Amino acid sequence: MMNALGLAEAVTYGEGGLETRLRRWEAAERPVIQHTQRFSYRLGHLNPLPDGPRSALLTVMNRSRTLAGMRMRAATTVPTGMNRFPA
């Protein structure tokens, strides 16, 4: 949903031609997209673990500010265009 909002902002209100607007949108959004995909993929490797050990490991991981920040990066990112389309 964040990307749809950013894309609507870029296409509707961006400067330059459509290709330029799309390039700028991708350059702005790609880092968060790639981070989220990589983190989710790695976290998915924990799925085969039994519930108890997986839950304990996730609890320990969340105590790390670095890992908690990585987990929450997409959730705490203010979407492009949010100032134009407030919630």
N, C-alpha and C. Protein backbone atom coordinates (compact mmCIF):
# COMPACT_ATOMS: atom_id res chain seq x y z
N MET A 1 0.82 -1.18 0.00
CA MET A 1 0.00 0.00 0.00
C MET A 1 0.87 1.26 0.00
N MET A 2 1.99 1.19 0.74
CA MET A 2 2.90 2.34 0.77
C MET A 2 3.40 2.65 -0.63
N ASN A 3 3.75 1.62 -1.37
CA ASN A 3 4.28 1.83 -2.71
C ASN A 3 3.22 2.37 -3.65
N ALA A 4 1.99 1.94 -3.49
CA ALA A 4 0.91 2.46 -4.33
C ALA A 4 0.71 3.94 -4.07
N LEU A 5 0.78 4.34 -2.81
CA LEU A 5 0.65 5.75 -2.46
C LEU A 5 1.80 6.56 -3.06
N GLY A 6 3.02 6.05 -2.90
CA GLY A 6 4.18 6.74 -3.47
C GLY A 6 4.11 6.82 -4.98
N LEU A 7 3.65 5.76 -5.62
CA LEU A 7 3.53 5.76 -7.08
C LEU A 7 2.47 6.76 -7.53
N ALA A 8 1.34 6.81 -6.84
CA ALA A 8 0.30 7.79 -7.19
C ALA A 8 0.84 9.21 -7.05
N GLU A 9 1.59 9.46 -6.00
CA GLU A 9 2.21 10.78 -5.78
C GLU A 9 3.16 11.11 -6.93
N ALA A 10 4.04 10.17 -7.26
CA ALA A 10 5.05 10.41 -8.28
C ALA A 10 4.44 10.66 -9.65
N VAL A 11 3.48 9.84 -10.03
CA VAL A 11 2.88 9.96 -11.36
C VAL A 11 2.00 11.20 -11.47
N THR A 12 1.29 11.52 -10.41
CA THR A 12 0.34 12.63 -10.46
C THR A 12 1.00 13.99 -10.27
N TYR A 13 1.94 14.07 -9.34
CA TYR A 13 2.48 15.38 -8.96
C TYR A 13 3.97 15.56 -9.23
N GLY A 14 4.65 14.54 -9.73
CA GLY A 14 6.08 14.65 -9.97
C GLY A 14 6.40 15.60 -11.12
N GLU A 15 7.65 15.98 -11.16
CA GLU A 15 8.10 16.87 -12.24
C GLU A 15 8.76 16.05 -13.33
N GLY A 16 8.70 16.55 -14.55
CA GLY A 16 9.31 15.87 -15.69
C GLY A 16 8.33 14.91 -16.33
N GLY A 17 8.85 14.18 -17.30
CA GLY A 17 8.02 13.20 -18.01
C GLY A 17 7.75 11.98 -17.16
N LEU A 18 6.89 11.11 -17.67
CA LEU A 18 6.50 9.91 -16.93
C LEU A 18 7.70 9.03 -16.59
N GLU A 19 8.61 8.83 -17.56
CA GLU A 19 9.79 7.99 -17.29
C GLU A 19 10.63 8.58 -16.16
N THR A 20 10.81 9.88 -16.16
CA THR A 20 11.58 10.54 -15.11
C THR A 20 10.89 10.38 -13.77
N ARG A 21 9.60 10.54 -13.74
CA ARG A 21 8.83 10.40 -12.50
C ARG A 21 8.95 8.98 -11.95
N LEU A 22 8.85 7.99 -12.84
CA LEU A 22 8.95 6.60 -12.41
C LEU A 22 10.35 6.26 -11.91
N ARG A 23 11.37 6.78 -12.58
CA ARG A 23 12.75 6.56 -12.12
C ARG A 23 12.97 7.14 -10.73
N ARG A 24 12.48 8.36 -10.51
CA ARG A 24 12.63 9.00 -9.19
C ARG A 24 11.88 8.21 -8.12
N TRP A 25 10.67 7.76 -8.47
CA TRP A 25 9.89 6.98 -7.52
C TRP A 25 10.64 5.70 -7.14
N GLU A 26 11.14 4.98 -8.13
CA GLU A 26 11.86 3.74 -7.83
C GLU A 26 13.11 4.00 -7.01
N ALA A 27 13.85 5.05 -7.34
CA ALA A 27 15.07 5.37 -6.58
C ALA A 27 14.74 5.68 -5.12
N ALA A 28 13.60 6.32 -4.89
CA ALA A 28 13.21 6.66 -3.52
C ALA A 28 12.70 5.45 -2.75
N GLU A 29 11.97 4.57 -3.41
CA GLU A 29 11.31 3.45 -2.73
C GLU A 29 12.14 2.17 -2.69
N ARG A 30 13.01 1.97 -3.67
CA ARG A 30 13.74 0.70 -3.80
C ARG A 30 14.50 0.29 -2.54
N PRO A 31 15.21 1.18 -1.84
CA PRO A 31 15.95 0.74 -0.65
C PRO A 31 15.07 0.08 0.42
N VAL A 32 13.91 0.64 0.69
CA VAL A 32 13.02 0.05 1.70
C VAL A 32 12.44 -1.27 1.18
N ILE A 33 12.10 -1.31 -0.09
CA ILE A 33 11.56 -2.54 -0.69
C ILE A 33 12.59 -3.66 -0.58
N GLN A 34 13.82 -3.40 -0.99
CA GLN A 34 14.85 -4.44 -0.95
C GLN A 34 15.15 -4.88 0.48
N HIS A 35 15.22 -3.92 1.39
CA HIS A 35 15.47 -4.27 2.79
C HIS A 35 14.36 -5.20 3.31
N THR A 36 13.12 -4.84 3.05
CA THR A 36 11.98 -5.63 3.54
C THR A 36 11.99 -7.03 2.94
N GLN A 37 12.28 -7.13 1.67
CA GLN A 37 12.32 -8.44 1.02
C GLN A 37 13.43 -9.31 1.59
N ARG A 38 14.62 -8.73 1.76
CA ARG A 38 15.75 -9.50 2.31
C ARG A 38 15.47 -9.94 3.74
N PHE A 39 14.98 -9.01 4.56
CA PHE A 39 14.73 -9.34 5.96
C PHE A 39 13.65 -10.41 6.07
N SER A 40 12.58 -10.28 5.30
CA SER A 40 11.50 -11.27 5.33
C SER A 40 11.98 -12.64 4.87
N TYR A 41 12.80 -12.65 3.84
CA TYR A 41 13.34 -13.92 3.34
C TYR A 41 14.17 -14.61 4.42
N ARG A 42 15.05 -13.85 5.07
CA ARG A 42 15.90 -14.43 6.12
C ARG A 42 15.06 -14.88 7.31
N LEU A 43 14.09 -14.10 7.69
CA LEU A 43 13.24 -14.46 8.81
C LEU A 43 12.44 -15.73 8.49
N GLY A 44 12.10 -15.90 7.23
CA GLY A 44 11.37 -17.10 6.81
C GLY A 44 12.13 -18.38 7.05
N HIS A 45 13.45 -18.31 7.17
CA HIS A 45 14.25 -19.51 7.46
C HIS A 45 13.97 -20.04 8.85
N LEU A 46 13.35 -19.24 9.71
CA LEU A 46 13.02 -19.70 11.06
C LEU A 46 11.71 -20.50 11.09
N ASN A 47 10.93 -20.45 10.03
CA ASN A 47 9.62 -21.10 10.02
C ASN A 47 9.67 -22.61 10.30
N PRO A 48 10.67 -23.35 9.84
CA PRO A 48 10.68 -24.79 10.13
C PRO A 48 10.94 -25.12 11.61
N LEU A 49 11.43 -24.17 12.38
CA LEU A 49 11.69 -24.45 13.80
C LEU A 49 10.38 -24.67 14.55
N PRO A 50 10.40 -25.51 15.56
CA PRO A 50 9.21 -25.68 16.40
C PRO A 50 8.84 -24.35 17.07
N ASP A 51 7.56 -24.19 17.41
CA ASP A 51 7.06 -22.92 17.95
C ASP A 51 7.84 -22.41 19.15
N GLY A 52 8.14 -23.28 20.10
CA GLY A 52 8.83 -22.85 21.32
C GLY A 52 10.19 -22.22 21.04
N PRO A 53 11.10 -22.96 20.39
CA PRO A 53 12.42 -22.38 20.09
C PRO A 53 12.35 -21.15 19.19
N ARG A 54 11.45 -21.19 18.20
CA ARG A 54 11.32 -20.03 17.29
C ARG A 54 10.85 -18.80 18.07
N SER A 55 9.88 -18.98 18.93
CA SER A 55 9.37 -17.87 19.74
C SER A 55 10.46 -17.31 20.66
N ALA A 56 11.23 -18.19 21.28
CA ALA A 56 12.32 -17.76 22.16
C ALA A 56 13.38 -17.00 21.38
N LEU A 57 13.72 -17.50 20.20
CA LEU A 57 14.72 -16.83 19.37
C LEU A 57 14.24 -15.45 18.93
N LEU A 58 12.98 -15.35 18.52
CA LEU A 58 12.44 -14.06 18.10
C LEU A 58 12.40 -13.07 19.28
N THR A 59 12.11 -13.55 20.47
CA THR A 59 12.11 -12.69 21.65
C THR A 59 13.50 -12.13 21.90
N VAL A 60 14.50 -12.98 21.81
CA VAL A 60 15.89 -12.53 22.00
C VAL A 60 16.28 -11.55 20.90
N MET A 61 15.90 -11.85 19.67
CA MET A 61 16.23 -10.96 18.55
C MET A 61 15.60 -9.58 18.74
N ASN A 62 14.39 -9.53 19.27
CA ASN A 62 13.71 -8.25 19.45
C ASN A 62 14.34 -7.41 20.55
N ARG A 63 15.16 -8.00 21.38
CA ARG A 63 15.85 -7.24 22.42
C ARG A 63 17.02 -6.45 21.83
N SER A 64 17.45 -6.83 20.66
CA SER A 64 18.51 -6.11 19.96
C SER A 64 17.91 -4.90 19.27
N ARG A 65 18.40 -3.73 19.60
CA ARG A 65 17.89 -2.51 18.96
C ARG A 65 18.11 -2.56 17.45
N THR A 66 19.25 -3.08 17.05
CA THR A 66 19.56 -3.15 15.62
C THR A 66 18.57 -4.05 14.90
N LEU A 67 18.37 -5.27 15.42
CA LEU A 67 17.45 -6.20 14.75
C LEU A 67 16.00 -5.72 14.84
N ALA A 68 15.62 -5.14 15.97
CA ALA A 68 14.26 -4.62 16.09
C ALA A 68 14.05 -3.48 15.09
N GLY A 69 15.06 -2.63 14.94
CA GLY A 69 14.97 -1.54 13.97
C GLY A 69 14.86 -2.05 12.54
N MET A 70 15.61 -3.11 12.25
CA MET A 70 15.54 -3.71 10.92
C MET A 70 14.14 -4.28 10.67
N ARG A 71 13.59 -4.92 11.69
CA ARG A 71 12.26 -5.53 11.55
C ARG A 71 11.19 -4.46 11.34
N MET A 72 11.36 -3.32 11.98
CA MET A 72 10.35 -2.27 11.94
C MET A 72 10.58 -1.22 10.86
N ARG A 73 11.62 -1.37 10.05
CA ARG A 73 11.97 -0.32 9.08
C ARG A 73 10.82 0.05 8.16
N ALA A 74 10.20 -0.93 7.54
CA ALA A 74 9.10 -0.62 6.62
C ALA A 74 7.92 -0.01 7.35
N ALA A 75 7.63 -0.53 8.55
CA ALA A 75 6.48 -0.03 9.31
C ALA A 75 6.66 1.41 9.76
N THR A 76 7.90 1.82 9.97
CA THR A 76 8.15 3.18 10.45
C THR A 76 8.51 4.16 9.34
N THR A 77 8.56 3.68 8.12
CA THR A 77 8.87 4.55 6.99
C THR A 77 7.63 5.36 6.62
N VAL A 78 7.79 6.66 6.51
CA VAL A 78 6.68 7.52 6.09
C VAL A 78 6.59 7.43 4.57
N PRO A 79 5.46 6.99 4.06
CA PRO A 79 5.35 6.80 2.61
C PRO A 79 5.50 8.11 1.84
N THR A 80 6.12 8.01 0.68
CA THR A 80 6.19 9.14 -0.23
C THR A 80 4.77 9.57 -0.54
N GLY A 81 4.51 10.85 -0.44
CA GLY A 81 3.19 11.35 -0.76
C GLY A 81 2.26 11.44 0.43
N MET A 82 2.70 11.00 1.58
CA MET A 82 1.84 11.02 2.76
C MET A 82 1.41 12.44 3.13
N ASN A 83 2.28 13.41 2.82
CA ASN A 83 1.92 14.80 3.11
C ASN A 83 0.78 15.28 2.21
N ARG A 84 0.66 14.70 1.03
CA ARG A 84 -0.40 15.10 0.10
C ARG A 84 -1.68 14.31 0.33
N PHE A 85 -1.53 13.06 0.80
CA PHE A 85 -2.68 12.19 1.03
C PHE A 85 -2.68 11.75 2.50
N PRO A 86 -2.96 12.65 3.43
CA PRO A 86 -2.88 12.27 4.84
C PRO A 86 -3.93 11.21 5.19
N ALA A 87 -3.58 10.43 6.20
CA ALA A 87 -4.48 9.34 6.64
C ALA A 87 -5.73 9.88 7.28
